[in-house]
Protein backbone atom coordinates (compact mmCIF):
# COMPACT_ATOMS: atom_id res chain seq x y z
CA UNK A 1 0.17 0.10 0.09
CA UNK A 2 1.20 3.26 -1.02
CA UNK A 3 -0.29 6.98 -0.44
CA UNK A 4 -0.49 8.94 -3.56
CA UNK A 5 0.73 12.47 -2.80
CA UNK A 6 1.85 15.46 -4.99
CA UNK A 7 5.57 15.94 -4.86
CA UNK A 8 7.14 18.76 -3.06
CA UNK A 9 9.60 21.57 -3.87
CA UNK A 10 13.28 20.63 -3.29
CA UNK A 11 14.83 22.53 -0.67
CA UNK A 12 18.49 23.08 -0.02
CA UNK A 13 20.70 24.73 2.73
CA UNK A 14 22.64 27.66 1.32
CA UNK A 15 26.44 27.97 2.55
CA UNK A 16 28.07 31.19 1.83
CA UNK A 17 31.12 33.08 3.05
CA UNK A 18 32.74 36.45 2.01
CA UNK A 19 35.54 36.77 -0.61
CA UNK A 20 38.01 37.67 2.00
CA UNK A 21 37.74 34.34 3.62
CA UNK A 22 39.58 31.32 3.07
CA UNK A 23 37.18 29.59 0.58
CA UNK A 24 36.91 32.99 -1.40
CA UNK A 25 34.28 32.47 -4.07
CA UNK A 26 34.15 28.58 -3.86
CA UNK A 27 30.76 28.16 -2.15
CA UNK A 28 28.92 30.99 -4.13
CA UNK A 29 30.14 29.14 -7.30
CA UNK A 30 29.00 25.83 -6.12
CA UNK A 31 25.47 27.11 -5.68
CA UNK A 32 25.57 28.66 -9.04
CA UNK A 33 26.57 25.35 -10.61
CA UNK A 34 23.95 23.38 -8.51
CA UNK A 35 21.06 22.32 -11.02
CA UNK A 36 18.27 22.28 -8.14
CA UNK A 37 18.95 25.90 -7.32
CA UNK A 38 16.71 28.97 -8.70
CA UNK A 39 18.96 31.06 -11.03
CA UNK A 40 19.81 34.42 -9.76
CA UNK A 41 18.53 33.53 -6.20
CA UNK A 42 20.80 30.73 -5.21
CA UNK A 43 20.80 31.61 -1.45
CA UNK A 44 17.11 30.86 -1.42
CA UNK A 45 16.55 27.47 0.52
CA UNK A 46 13.43 26.77 -2.12
CA UNK A 47 14.80 25.01 -5.14
CA UNK A 48 12.93 24.95 -8.51
CA UNK A 49 13.25 21.13 -8.70
CA UNK A 50 10.47 18.68 -7.30
CA UNK A 51 11.11 15.67 -5.17
CA UNK A 52 9.02 12.59 -4.59
CA UNK A 53 7.47 12.06 -0.97
CA UNK A 54 9.73 10.18 1.24
CA UNK A 55 7.10 9.39 4.09
CA UNK A 56 3.56 9.39 4.54
CA UNK A 57 3.14 13.11 5.34
CA UNK A 58 0.28 14.90 6.65
CA UNK A 59 -3.50 14.33 6.07
CA UNK A 60 -5.83 16.98 7.06
CA UNK A 61 -9.68 17.15 7.79
CA UNK A 62 -11.32 18.20 4.36
CA UNK A 63 -8.86 16.86 1.83
CA UNK A 64 -8.80 13.59 -0.20
CA UNK A 65 -7.09 10.47 0.85
CA UNK A 66 -5.75 8.73 -2.01
CA UNK A 67 -3.84 5.29 -1.76
CA UNK A 68 -2.57 2.67 -4.35
CA UNK A 69 -3.02 -0.58 -3.40
CA UNK A 70 -1.33 -3.73 -5.21
CA UNK A 71 -1.38 -7.30 -4.41
CA UNK A 72 1.53 -9.40 -5.99
CA UNK A 73 1.66 -13.10 -6.61
CA UNK A 74 5.23 -13.85 -5.26
CA UNK A 75 4.91 -17.66 -5.66
CA UNK A 76 5.47 -19.67 -8.72
CA UNK A 77 1.78 -21.08 -8.57
CA UNK A 78 -1.35 -19.57 -10.15
CA UNK A 79 -4.09 -18.78 -7.35
CA UNK A 80 -7.61 -18.28 -7.94
CA UNK A 81 -10.63 -16.35 -7.03
CA UNK A 82 -8.64 -13.18 -5.73
CA UNK A 83 -10.75 -11.07 -3.68
CA UNK A 84 -9.17 -7.55 -2.59
CA UNK A 85 -11.17 -5.43 -0.16
CA UNK A 86 -10.27 -1.82 1.43
CA UNK A 87 -11.94 -0.65 4.34
CA UNK A 88 -11.42 2.54 6.29
CA UNK A 89 -12.16 2.20 9.83
CA UNK A 90 -12.81 5.53 11.98
CA UNK A 91 -13.79 6.07 15.26
CA UNK A 92 -17.41 6.06 14.43
CA UNK A 93 -17.67 3.99 11.17
CA UNK A 94 -16.03 1.66 8.79
CA UNK A 95 -16.45 2.45 5.00
CA UNK A 96 -15.67 -0.02 2.12
CA UNK A 97 -13.25 2.01 -0.38
CA UNK A 98 -12.88 -0.81 -2.80
CA UNK A 99 -13.64 0.07 -6.33
CA UNK A 100 -14.75 -3.26 -7.31
CA UNK A 101 -16.42 -6.03 -5.38
CA UNK A 102 -16.02 -8.80 -8.02
CA UNK A 103 -13.39 -11.45 -7.67
CA UNK A 104 -10.45 -11.86 -10.05
CA UNK A 105 -10.63 -15.26 -11.69
CA UNK A 106 -6.79 -16.17 -11.40
CA UNK A 107 -3.48 -14.50 -10.90
CA UNK A 108 -0.38 -15.71 -12.40
CA UNK A 109 3.20 -15.70 -10.97
CA UNK A 110 5.06 -12.28 -10.53
CA UNK A 111 1.52 -10.68 -11.91
CA UNK A 112 -0.12 -8.02 -9.63
CA UNK A 113 -3.64 -6.78 -8.90
CA UNK A 114 -3.74 -2.92 -8.64
CA UNK A 115 -6.53 -0.84 -7.29
CA UNK A 116 -6.61 3.30 -6.61
CA UNK A 117 -8.75 3.88 -3.62
CA UNK A 118 -9.87 7.67 -2.77
CA UNK A 119 -11.82 9.01 -0.09
CA UNK A 120 -12.73 12.65 1.35
CA UNK A 121 -11.49 12.81 4.90
CA UNK A 122 -14.65 14.17 6.95
CA UNK A 123 -13.43 13.07 10.71
CA UNK A 124 -10.29 14.05 12.82
CA UNK A 125 -8.18 11.57 14.68
CA UNK A 126 -7.08 7.95 13.99
CA UNK A 127 -7.68 6.24 10.95
CA UNK A 128 -7.23 2.49 10.07
CA UNK A 129 -6.91 1.44 6.45
CA UNK A 130 -7.84 -2.38 6.57
CA UNK A 131 -6.64 -4.19 3.60
CA UNK A 132 -7.77 -7.64 3.42
CA UNK A 133 -6.98 -10.30 0.59
CA UNK A 134 -8.84 -14.02 0.12
CA UNK A 135 -7.77 -16.48 -2.62
CA UNK A 136 -7.88 -20.07 -3.34
CA UNK A 137 -4.59 -21.99 -4.05
CA UNK A 138 -4.27 -24.90 -6.81
CA UNK A 139 -4.88 -27.46 -4.10
CA UNK A 140 -8.26 -25.73 -3.46
CA UNK A 141 -7.66 -24.36 -0.03
CA UNK A 142 -8.93 -21.23 0.89
CA UNK A 143 -6.29 -18.59 2.18
CA UNK A 144 -7.00 -15.29 3.93
CA UNK A 145 -4.81 -12.32 5.34
CA UNK A 146 -5.44 -8.97 6.38
CA UNK A 147 -2.72 -6.09 7.05
CA UNK A 148 -3.32 -2.54 8.60
CA UNK A 149 -2.01 0.67 8.11
CA UNK A 150 -2.61 3.37 10.69
CA UNK A 151 -2.74 7.32 10.21
CA UNK A 152 -3.73 10.38 12.00
CA UNK A 153 -6.09 12.99 10.27
CA UNK A 154 -5.18 16.56 11.47
CA UNK A 155 -7.42 19.76 11.85
CA UNK A 156 -6.15 22.00 9.04
CA UNK A 157 -8.12 25.45 10.31
CA UNK A 158 -9.20 26.92 13.37
CA UNK A 159 -12.67 28.48 12.96
CA UNK A 160 -14.23 31.06 15.64
CA UNK A 161 -17.39 33.10 15.11
CA UNK A 162 -18.80 36.01 16.79
CA UNK A 163 -22.45 37.17 16.44
CA UNK A 164 -23.74 40.77 16.57
CA UNK A 165 -27.62 41.18 16.65
CA UNK A 166 -28.77 44.60 15.28
CA UNK A 167 -31.69 46.54 16.27
CA UNK A 168 -33.03 46.40 12.94
CA UNK A 169 -33.31 42.45 13.10
CA UNK A 170 -30.15 42.12 11.21
CA UNK A 171 -27.28 39.72 12.08
CA UNK A 172 -23.71 40.27 11.49
CA UNK A 173 -21.34 37.10 11.64
CA UNK A 174 -17.58 37.59 12.09
CA UNK A 175 -15.79 34.36 11.28
CA UNK A 176 -12.11 34.07 12.39
CA UNK A 177 -10.21 31.65 10.20
CA UNK A 178 -6.66 30.47 11.31
CA UNK A 179 -4.26 28.47 9.29
CA UNK A 180 -3.03 26.01 11.61
CA UNK A 181 -0.81 23.78 9.46
CA UNK A 182 2.71 24.14 8.38
CA UNK A 183 2.32 25.59 4.92
CA UNK A 184 0.54 28.33 3.06
CA UNK A 185 -2.99 27.88 1.99
CA UNK A 186 -4.79 29.57 -1.04
CA UNK A 187 -8.22 30.39 0.20
CA UNK A 188 -10.30 29.87 -2.76
CA UNK A 189 -13.81 30.30 -1.26
CA UNK A 190 -15.23 31.22 2.09
CA UNK A 191 -18.94 31.67 1.79
CA UNK A 192 -22.00 31.47 4.46
CA UNK A 193 -24.93 29.34 3.52
CA UNK A 194 -27.92 30.95 5.47
CA UNK A 195 -30.84 29.21 7.09
CA UNK A 196 -34.17 29.30 5.06
CA UNK A 197 -35.24 32.43 7.00
CA UNK A 198 -32.11 34.79 6.03
CA UNK A 199 -30.48 36.29 3.15
CA UNK A 200 -26.85 37.09 3.33
CA UNK A 201 -24.60 39.61 2.01
CA UNK A 202 -20.76 39.22 2.28
CA UNK A 203 -18.85 42.27 3.30
CA UNK A 204 -15.62 41.29 2.28
CA UNK A 205 -14.98 43.33 -0.85
CA UNK A 206 -15.10 46.98 -1.93
CA UNK A 207 -16.31 48.71 -5.00
CA UNK A 208 -13.27 50.08 -6.92
CA UNK A 209 -13.85 51.56 -10.57
CA UNK A 210 -17.21 49.81 -10.71
CA UNK A 211 -15.44 46.26 -9.79
CA UNK A 212 -15.75 44.40 -6.57
CA UNK A 213 -12.14 44.15 -5.04
CA UNK A 214 -11.32 41.53 -2.24
CA UNK A 215 -10.51 43.54 1.14
CA UNK A 216 -7.64 40.69 1.33
CA UNK A 217 -6.04 41.63 -2.02
CA UNK A 218 -5.59 39.93 -5.28
CA UNK A 219 -3.60 37.01 -3.62
CA UNK A 220 -5.61 35.52 -1.03
CA UNK A 221 -2.72 33.45 0.48
CA UNK A 222 -3.16 32.48 4.42
CA UNK A 223 0.31 31.87 5.81
CA UNK A 224 1.05 29.17 8.71
CA UNK A 225 -0.70 30.62 12.07
CA UNK A 226 -2.09 33.54 10.04
CA UNK A 227 -5.64 34.64 11.08
CA UNK A 228 -8.34 36.34 8.50
CA UNK A 229 -11.51 37.91 9.79
CA UNK A 230 -14.60 37.37 7.34
CA UNK A 231 -17.90 39.68 7.80
CA UNK A 232 -21.29 38.56 6.91
CA UNK A 233 -24.58 40.44 7.30
CA UNK A 234 -27.82 38.41 7.60
CA UNK A 235 -31.23 40.07 6.95
CA UNK A 236 -34.37 38.25 7.37
CA UNK A 237 -36.66 37.62 4.58
CA UNK A 238 -39.71 39.33 4.27
CA UNK A 239 -41.96 37.09 4.87
CA UNK A 240 -40.28 36.11 8.32
CA UNK A 241 -39.38 39.86 9.23
CA UNK A 242 -42.88 40.66 9.64
CA UNK A 243 -43.42 38.04 12.23
CA UNK A 244 -41.81 39.48 15.43
CA UNK A 245 -42.09 36.37 17.47
CA UNK A 246 -40.68 34.15 14.81
CA UNK A 247 -37.19 36.18 14.13
CA UNK A 248 -36.82 36.64 17.80
CA UNK A 249 -36.55 33.06 18.68
CA UNK A 250 -34.40 32.17 15.57
CA UNK A 251 -30.82 30.75 16.70
CA UNK A 252 -30.00 28.73 13.72
CA UNK A 253 -28.26 31.34 11.16
CA UNK A 254 -26.24 29.09 8.87
CA UNK A 255 -22.84 27.27 7.94
CA UNK A 256 -19.68 28.18 6.72
CA UNK A 257 -18.26 26.51 3.56
CA UNK A 258 -14.34 26.65 3.25
CA UNK A 259 -12.47 25.79 0.43
CA UNK A 260 -8.66 25.92 -0.22
CA UNK A 261 -5.77 24.94 -1.91
CA UNK A 262 -2.17 24.02 -0.71
CA UNK A 263 1.13 24.24 -2.37
CA UNK A 264 0.59 22.28 -5.47
CA UNK A 265 -3.12 22.48 -5.84
CA UNK A 266 -4.31 20.09 -3.50
CA UNK A 267 -7.75 21.03 -2.64
CA UNK A 268 -9.67 20.74 0.45
CA UNK A 269 -13.04 21.70 1.76
CA UNK A 270 -14.61 22.13 5.13
CA UNK A 271 -18.18 22.47 6.15
CA UNK A 272 -19.10 23.60 9.65
CA UNK A 273 -22.08 22.56 11.29
CA UNK A 274 -25.12 24.54 11.91
CA UNK A 275 -24.03 27.99 13.81
CA UNK A 276 -26.02 28.90 16.34
CA UNK A 277 -26.33 32.46 17.85
CA UNK A 278 -27.99 33.46 21.33
CA UNK A 279 -31.50 34.84 20.77
CA UNK A 280 -31.75 38.43 21.49
CA UNK A 281 -34.19 39.27 24.33
CA UNK A 282 -36.41 42.19 23.51
CA UNK A 283 -38.58 41.80 26.60
CA UNK A 284 -42.54 42.44 25.91
CA UNK A 285 -42.29 45.64 24.13
CA UNK A 286 -39.46 46.33 21.34
CA UNK A 287 -38.95 49.85 20.18
CA UNK A 288 -36.66 50.48 17.04
CA UNK A 289 -35.72 53.37 14.84
CA UNK A 290 -36.82 53.14 11.34
CA UNK A 291 -35.40 56.51 10.03
CA UNK A 292 -33.44 59.23 11.83
CA UNK A 293 -31.07 62.01 10.24
CA UNK A 294 -27.21 61.66 11.00
CA UNK A 295 -26.93 65.46 11.39
CA UNK A 296 -29.62 68.15 12.67
CA UNK A 297 -29.46 71.80 13.03
CA UNK A 298 -29.28 73.46 16.62
CA UNK A 299 -32.79 74.62 17.68
CA UNK A 300 -34.38 73.48 14.70
CA UNK A 301 -37.19 70.58 14.60
CA UNK A 302 -36.34 67.19 12.98
CA UNK A 303 -38.39 63.86 12.42
CA UNK A 304 -37.97 60.34 13.27
CA UNK A 305 -39.89 57.37 12.74
CA UNK A 306 -40.08 54.57 15.36
CA UNK A 307 -41.51 51.17 15.24
CA UNK A 308 -43.28 49.33 18.14
CA UNK A 309 -43.73 45.74 18.36
CA UNK A 310 -45.53 43.48 20.57
CA UNK A 311 -43.19 40.58 21.63
CA UNK A 312 -45.44 39.34 24.25
CA UNK A 313 -48.08 36.59 23.77
CA UNK A 314 -50.98 39.10 25.03
CA UNK A 315 -52.85 42.14 23.74
CA UNK A 316 -51.45 45.60 24.98
CA UNK A 317 -53.50 48.91 25.19
CA UNK A 318 -50.31 51.52 25.16
CA UNK A 319 -49.97 55.10 25.98
CA UNK A 320 -46.91 57.19 24.87
CA UNK A 321 -45.36 59.70 27.18
CA UNK A 322 -42.41 61.80 26.18
CA UNK A 323 -39.86 63.14 28.58
CA UNK A 324 -37.57 66.07 27.72
CA UNK A 325 -33.79 65.89 28.75
CA UNK A 326 -31.13 68.61 29.27
CA UNK A 327 -30.51 68.62 25.59
CA UNK A 328 -33.35 66.82 23.59
CA UNK A 329 -36.88 68.35 23.67
CA UNK A 330 -39.80 66.40 22.30
CA UNK A 331 -42.35 68.38 20.31
CA UNK A 332 -46.09 67.04 20.62
CA UNK A 333 -48.47 65.84 22.94
CA UNK A 334 -47.32 63.52 25.90
CA UNK A 335 -49.58 61.02 27.11
CA UNK A 336 -51.54 60.25 24.01
CA UNK A 337 -53.33 56.98 23.42
CA UNK A 338 -51.82 54.61 20.81
CA UNK A 339 -54.55 51.98 21.11
CA UNK A 340 -54.52 48.26 21.27
CA UNK A 341 -51.62 46.28 20.01
CA UNK A 342 -52.08 42.55 19.38
CA UNK A 343 -49.43 39.80 19.79
CA UNK A 344 -46.60 39.94 17.22
CA UNK A 345 -48.03 43.20 15.37
CA UNK A 346 -46.19 46.51 14.92
CA UNK A 347 -47.33 50.13 14.51
CA UNK A 348 -45.17 52.98 13.31
CA UNK A 349 -44.76 56.60 15.06
CA UNK A 350 -43.56 59.69 13.28
CA UNK A 351 -42.21 61.99 16.15
CA UNK A 352 -40.76 65.51 16.16
CA UNK A 353 -37.70 66.56 18.36
CA UNK A 354 -35.35 69.78 18.58
CA UNK A 355 -31.94 69.99 20.28
CA UNK A 356 -30.70 72.93 22.25
CA UNK A 357 -26.98 71.64 22.54
CA UNK A 358 -24.69 71.40 20.05
CA UNK A 359 -22.41 67.89 19.68
CA UNK A 360 -23.55 64.29 19.79
CA UNK A 361 -26.66 64.34 21.47
CA UNK A 362 -28.49 60.88 22.79
CA UNK A 363 -32.16 60.40 21.91
CA UNK A 364 -34.02 59.61 25.13
CA UNK A 365 -37.08 59.98 27.27
CA UNK A 366 -39.74 57.70 25.54
CA UNK A 367 -42.11 55.84 27.92
CA UNK A 368 -44.49 53.27 26.98
CA UNK A 369 -47.23 52.28 29.47
CA UNK A 370 -49.56 49.07 29.21
CA UNK A 371 -52.72 50.14 30.71
CA UNK A 372 -53.91 46.65 31.21
CA UNK A 373 -50.95 45.71 33.59
CA UNK A 374 -49.97 49.16 34.56
CA UNK A 375 -46.54 48.48 33.72
CA UNK A 376 -44.14 51.18 32.06
CA UNK A 377 -41.26 50.60 29.66
CA UNK A 378 -38.52 52.93 29.57
CA UNK A 379 -36.53 53.77 26.34
CA UNK A 380 -33.30 55.86 26.94
CA UNK A 381 -30.18 56.17 24.56
CA UNK A 382 -32.31 54.95 21.56
CA UNK A 383 -29.96 56.43 18.91
CA UNK A 384 -27.30 59.54 18.50
CA UNK A 385 -27.61 62.40 16.47
CA UNK A 386 -25.06 65.05 15.58
CA UNK A 387 -26.33 68.64 16.42
CA UNK A 388 -24.42 71.69 14.60
CA UNK A 389 -25.04 75.01 14.31
CA UNK A 390 -27.32 76.09 11.17
CA UNK A 391 -24.28 78.24 9.78
CA UNK A 392 -21.74 75.36 9.87
CA UNK A 393 -24.30 73.27 7.80
CA UNK A 394 -24.84 75.91 5.20
CA UNK A 395 -21.07 76.29 4.90
CA UNK A 396 -20.60 72.48 4.30
C-alpha cells in the first residue's frame, strides 16, 4: 500500500562566505553550478525542482486521501478467486473503499492486481486502512490475510465565530479563520450558506472603479498560523421579518463553506455544522428606529420614525409619554393613546424633536405604559444625532 500525494519543492541549505575568507568565491560558485537552485537566487532555500514524498506526510480534515494498493503473487503457482477489499475504519464508522467487489478469476506468478482508492476525510483522529485479501490455491485451499495501515487526520483550520444582533433584526457574523498547518494556503472560497429565514450579504469586498475587489487583496494566501476575519450580514426574509415572534426565537443562522488549496493545488473543503447564536431578548415591547437623520441643526425641529412591536403573547393597550432631557426636547402631545396592539403586531410612529445643545446628543425620554397591567417600559439612549449650528451646515 502506498499513499498517493503530490511532490514537493526541493529545499537546499545555502552555505556562503565572504570573498576575503579562505574559501573565497568557492561556495557561491558551487551553488550557481547546482542544478537544483533557482538561477539568480541561489541563496534561497526553496529550489526549482520537485522531489517525491519520502514518507506518509500529513493528512488534514477536508482533504482527499488517495492510496495505491497492489497485490503481487510472489509464488510460482497460479492462484484463483482473488478478492481484494479495502476498508477505512474510523472512530465512528467503517467505510468500504474498494473500487470493485468482484473477484479476479486467477493471478499468475509475478503478476499484480492494482487498485487506487479515494476518500474525502470527514473525521479527525485515528484512521486505520484495513486491506484484506482472500484467494484459493491450486490445491483448492482457501487462504485469507489482512494488513493494517494506521494514520492520523489533523485539523487544518481553527474557526471561531462572533455574532452581533442589530436593532433592525439584522445579524452580523464575524468568522475568524486561522491556518494551523505548516504550509501556506490559497483560500479559494469562504462563503456562508444561510438558513431558510435569512438572506446573506458578504462584506469582504469593496467597489473600486465599478468592480468588486477583495479586502484581502488579489492574492488570498493564508500563511501558517495567520488569521483572517470574514464578515457577513444576514437579513430576515420579508415573510419572516413581519413576524416578530418568529425572528426573535431563531438561533440557527447557517453554516460556513470553506475551500482552499495547498502548495501544489491539493484541494480541501470544510463545512461547519449549523452556527448557533444567542437569541436576543427584547422583552414584552420592542422599540426600534426606522428613520433618523445623521446631522441636524441646532434648535431646529427634526423628524424620526419609530417602530413599536408587541413581543409578548397578550394584547396591550399602550400610552406614549415623552420626557424632555437637558439637551433633547420632544415636540407634540405627551400621554396620548396608541390603542390596542395585538401579539406580534407592530405600529409606526412619526415623532418630532429639537436639540438645544450642540455636539453628539442621545435621543432619550420615551415611555410606553400598558394600561392593562399598569406596566411602564422606559427607552433611553435609543440613538445618537450630531447637532451642529445652522451656519456650519450651510457652509458645508
